[in-house]
Every structure is written in C-alpha cells, then in structure tokens.
C-alpha cells in the first residue's frame, strides 16, 4: 500500500513561520495597549499579520491529507476535517501531472479527479511517495491521463 502524506520538513517550516507571525501579531497587539492614540499603520500591520496567520493555519490544518493507495482503491483522509473517503480505481475520472521547471528545481503537481466526489492534489515537494503514486496511476489507469 502506498501512503502519501505531507513531508515533515514541510509541516515544520510552515509551523515555524506561523509561530513567528503569531508572535509578531501578539507583539503589535500588546504595543497598542500602552499607546493613547496609536498610528494607523499599526492597525494595518495587525490586520496583515492576522490575515497571514489565518491563511497559514488553514493551510496547515484543513489541507493536511493522507492518501493511501492499494487494492484498486484510493483512501483519502483529512484528519482535521474529520473526512474520510474511499474511491475505487473505476471511479477515477481523470488524472493530470503538471510539471513546472524553475531555475534549478522541478515542481510537479498531480491532480486526481474522481467521478463521484471531488479531487485530490499532491505535489512532489510537499508530499511523500509522489513517484510511487505516479507509477501506480500509470500502471492502473493509463487511459485516464490527461495530457497538457
């Protein structure tokens, strides 16, 4: 069985960035309490930090997914959404791999679309066992691949 989930270093780096932004947010809010008439730019900075923290927490918690593939089934599990779905290979609508080459690295993203319930996206930089998932799809559903 192939298990593709977010890499630890990705979760760690996003978590550290979120904590740093959260500390900055608390620092600016704490500074506001001591001032009689705070400047407008402080409110703008607090708004931007709050927005950034909210987006990062959403990315960390609600986009965390575990994809298990085996026995002609796709098990998709979002632990923080309390959502679990099991799809069979015959319910696979299409799959597409997008490759973007930057300066020295290659970013690859896979989108798997199901006939019955939505889609799943994984990438080679954020998810483990990306190459195994591609090999499995090329073996089990080569006709469902969408070419660019």
Protein backbone atom coordinates (compact mmCIF):
# COMPACT_ATOMS: atom_id res chain seq x y z
CA UNK A 1 0.00 0.00 0.00
CA UNK A 2 1.28 3.44 -0.97
CA UNK A 3 0.90 6.15 1.69
CA UNK A 4 1.35 9.76 0.56
CA UNK A 5 1.19 12.39 3.27
CA UNK A 6 2.79 15.79 3.88
CA UNK A 7 6.53 15.70 4.48
CA UNK A 8 7.72 16.51 7.99
CA UNK A 9 10.03 19.29 6.86
CA UNK A 10 7.14 21.00 5.06
CA UNK A 11 4.93 20.85 8.14
CA UNK A 12 7.82 22.01 10.33
CA UNK A 13 8.70 25.00 8.16
CA UNK A 14 5.07 26.11 7.81
CA UNK A 15 4.60 25.68 11.56
CA UNK A 16 7.68 27.74 12.42
CA UNK A 17 6.62 30.50 10.04
CA UNK A 18 3.12 30.53 11.55
CA UNK A 19 4.51 30.76 15.10
CA UNK A 20 6.81 33.65 14.13
CA UNK A 21 3.94 35.57 12.54
CA UNK A 22 1.74 34.83 15.57
CA UNK A 23 4.42 36.18 17.93
CA UNK A 24 4.64 39.33 15.81
CA UNK A 25 0.86 39.68 15.96
CA UNK A 26 0.83 39.42 19.77
CA UNK A 27 3.72 41.89 19.97
CA UNK A 28 1.87 44.53 17.94
CA UNK A 29 -1.40 44.00 19.84
CA UNK A 30 0.48 44.32 23.13
CA UNK A 31 2.06 47.58 21.92
CA UNK A 32 -1.38 49.01 21.14
CA UNK A 33 -2.48 48.68 24.75
CA UNK A 34 0.12 51.14 26.04
CA UNK A 35 -0.48 53.91 23.49
CA UNK A 36 -3.06 56.67 23.88
CA UNK A 37 -3.55 57.33 20.16
CA UNK A 38 -1.93 54.60 18.02
CA UNK A 39 -1.00 55.30 14.43
CA UNK A 40 -2.98 53.85 11.56
CA UNK A 41 -0.05 51.84 10.24
CA UNK A 42 -0.10 49.71 13.41
CA UNK A 43 -3.66 48.66 12.69
CA UNK A 44 -2.71 47.82 9.11
CA UNK A 45 0.22 45.67 10.29
CA UNK A 46 -2.02 43.87 12.79
CA UNK A 47 -4.57 43.19 10.04
CA UNK A 48 -1.92 41.81 7.69
CA UNK A 49 -0.42 39.62 10.41
CA UNK A 50 -3.86 38.32 11.39
CA UNK A 51 -4.67 37.51 7.76
CA UNK A 52 -1.33 35.76 7.25
CA UNK A 53 -1.72 33.72 10.43
CA UNK A 54 -5.25 32.70 9.46
CA UNK A 55 -4.18 31.58 5.99
CA UNK A 56 -1.22 29.60 7.34
CA UNK A 57 -3.33 27.85 9.98
CA UNK A 58 -5.88 26.98 7.30
CA UNK A 59 -3.12 25.57 5.10
CA UNK A 60 -1.66 23.56 7.98
CA UNK A 61 -4.84 22.16 9.44
CA UNK A 62 -7.51 21.87 6.78
CA UNK A 63 -5.30 20.96 3.82
CA UNK A 64 -3.46 18.18 5.69
CA UNK A 65 -4.38 14.99 3.87
CA UNK A 66 -3.27 11.37 3.84
CA UNK A 67 -3.68 9.46 0.59
CA UNK A 68 -3.45 5.67 0.80
CA UNK A 69 -3.50 3.74 -2.46
CA UNK A 70 -3.72 -0.01 -2.82
CA UNK A 71 -6.03 -2.90 -3.75
CA UNK A 72 -7.52 -0.77 -6.57
CA UNK A 73 -8.78 1.77 -4.02
CA UNK A 74 -7.92 5.32 -3.04
CA UNK A 75 -8.33 6.09 0.67
CA UNK A 76 -8.41 9.86 1.20
CA UNK A 77 -8.32 11.06 4.79
CA UNK A 78 -8.42 14.64 6.09
CA UNK A 79 -7.84 14.21 9.85
CA UNK A 80 -8.61 17.80 10.89
CA UNK A 81 -11.77 17.95 8.79
CA UNK A 82 -12.94 14.55 10.10
CA UNK A 83 -13.49 13.48 6.49
CA UNK A 84 -12.69 10.08 5.05
CA UNK A 85 -13.43 8.84 1.54
CA UNK A 86 -12.75 5.58 -0.24
CA UNK A 87 -12.80 5.62 -4.04
CA UNK A 88 -12.18 2.76 -6.42
CA UNK A 89 -9.98 3.00 -9.49
CA UNK A 90 -13.05 2.55 -11.70
CA UNK A 91 -14.45 5.80 -10.19
CA UNK A 92 -11.37 7.68 -11.35
CA UNK A 93 -12.43 10.33 -13.82
CA UNK A 94 -9.03 11.62 -14.88
CA UNK A 95 -5.58 12.44 -13.59
CA UNK A 96 -3.09 15.02 -14.73
CA UNK A 97 0.50 15.75 -13.84
CA UNK A 98 1.64 19.34 -14.23
CA UNK A 99 5.39 19.95 -14.41
CA UNK A 100 6.87 23.41 -13.92
CA UNK A 101 10.63 23.82 -14.27
CA UNK A 102 12.16 26.69 -12.32
CA UNK A 103 15.82 27.70 -12.09
CA UNK A 104 17.27 24.52 -10.62
CA UNK A 105 14.29 22.52 -9.40
CA UNK A 106 11.29 20.84 -10.93
CA UNK A 107 7.87 21.29 -9.33
CA UNK A 108 5.44 18.51 -10.13
CA UNK A 109 1.79 18.52 -9.13
CA UNK A 110 -0.68 15.69 -9.56
CA UNK A 111 -4.42 16.24 -9.69
CA UNK A 112 -6.64 13.18 -9.36
CA UNK A 113 -10.30 13.79 -10.23
CA UNK A 114 -13.00 11.30 -9.22
CA UNK A 115 -16.35 10.86 -10.93
CA UNK A 116 -18.29 10.78 -7.68
CA UNK A 117 -16.64 13.06 -5.12
CA UNK A 118 -14.21 15.83 -5.97
CA UNK A 119 -10.48 15.75 -6.48
CA UNK A 120 -7.13 15.50 -4.68
CA UNK A 121 -3.94 17.43 -5.40
CA UNK A 122 -0.48 16.36 -4.27
CA UNK A 123 2.97 17.68 -5.19
CA UNK A 124 6.47 16.28 -5.16
CA UNK A 125 7.81 18.96 -2.80
CA UNK A 126 5.07 18.71 -0.18
CA UNK A 127 4.04 15.04 -0.21
CA UNK A 128 5.90 11.80 0.33
CA UNK A 129 5.85 8.86 -2.13
CA UNK A 130 4.87 11.09 -5.04
CA UNK A 131 6.76 8.96 -7.57
CA UNK A 132 5.07 5.76 -6.36
CA UNK A 133 1.64 7.36 -6.83
CA UNK A 134 2.54 8.34 -10.41
CA UNK A 135 3.81 4.84 -11.19
CA UNK A 136 0.63 3.32 -9.74
CA UNK A 137 -1.60 5.57 -11.83
CA UNK A 138 0.40 4.88 -15.00
CA UNK A 139 0.04 1.16 -14.32
CA UNK A 140 -3.64 1.03 -13.27
CA UNK A 141 -5.23 3.89 -15.24
CA UNK A 142 -3.05 4.93 -18.18
CA UNK A 143 -6.05 5.82 -20.37
CA UNK A 144 -7.39 8.32 -17.83
CA UNK A 145 -4.28 10.51 -18.01
CA UNK A 146 -4.92 14.00 -19.36
CA UNK A 147 -2.09 15.33 -21.47
CA UNK A 148 -1.31 19.04 -21.45
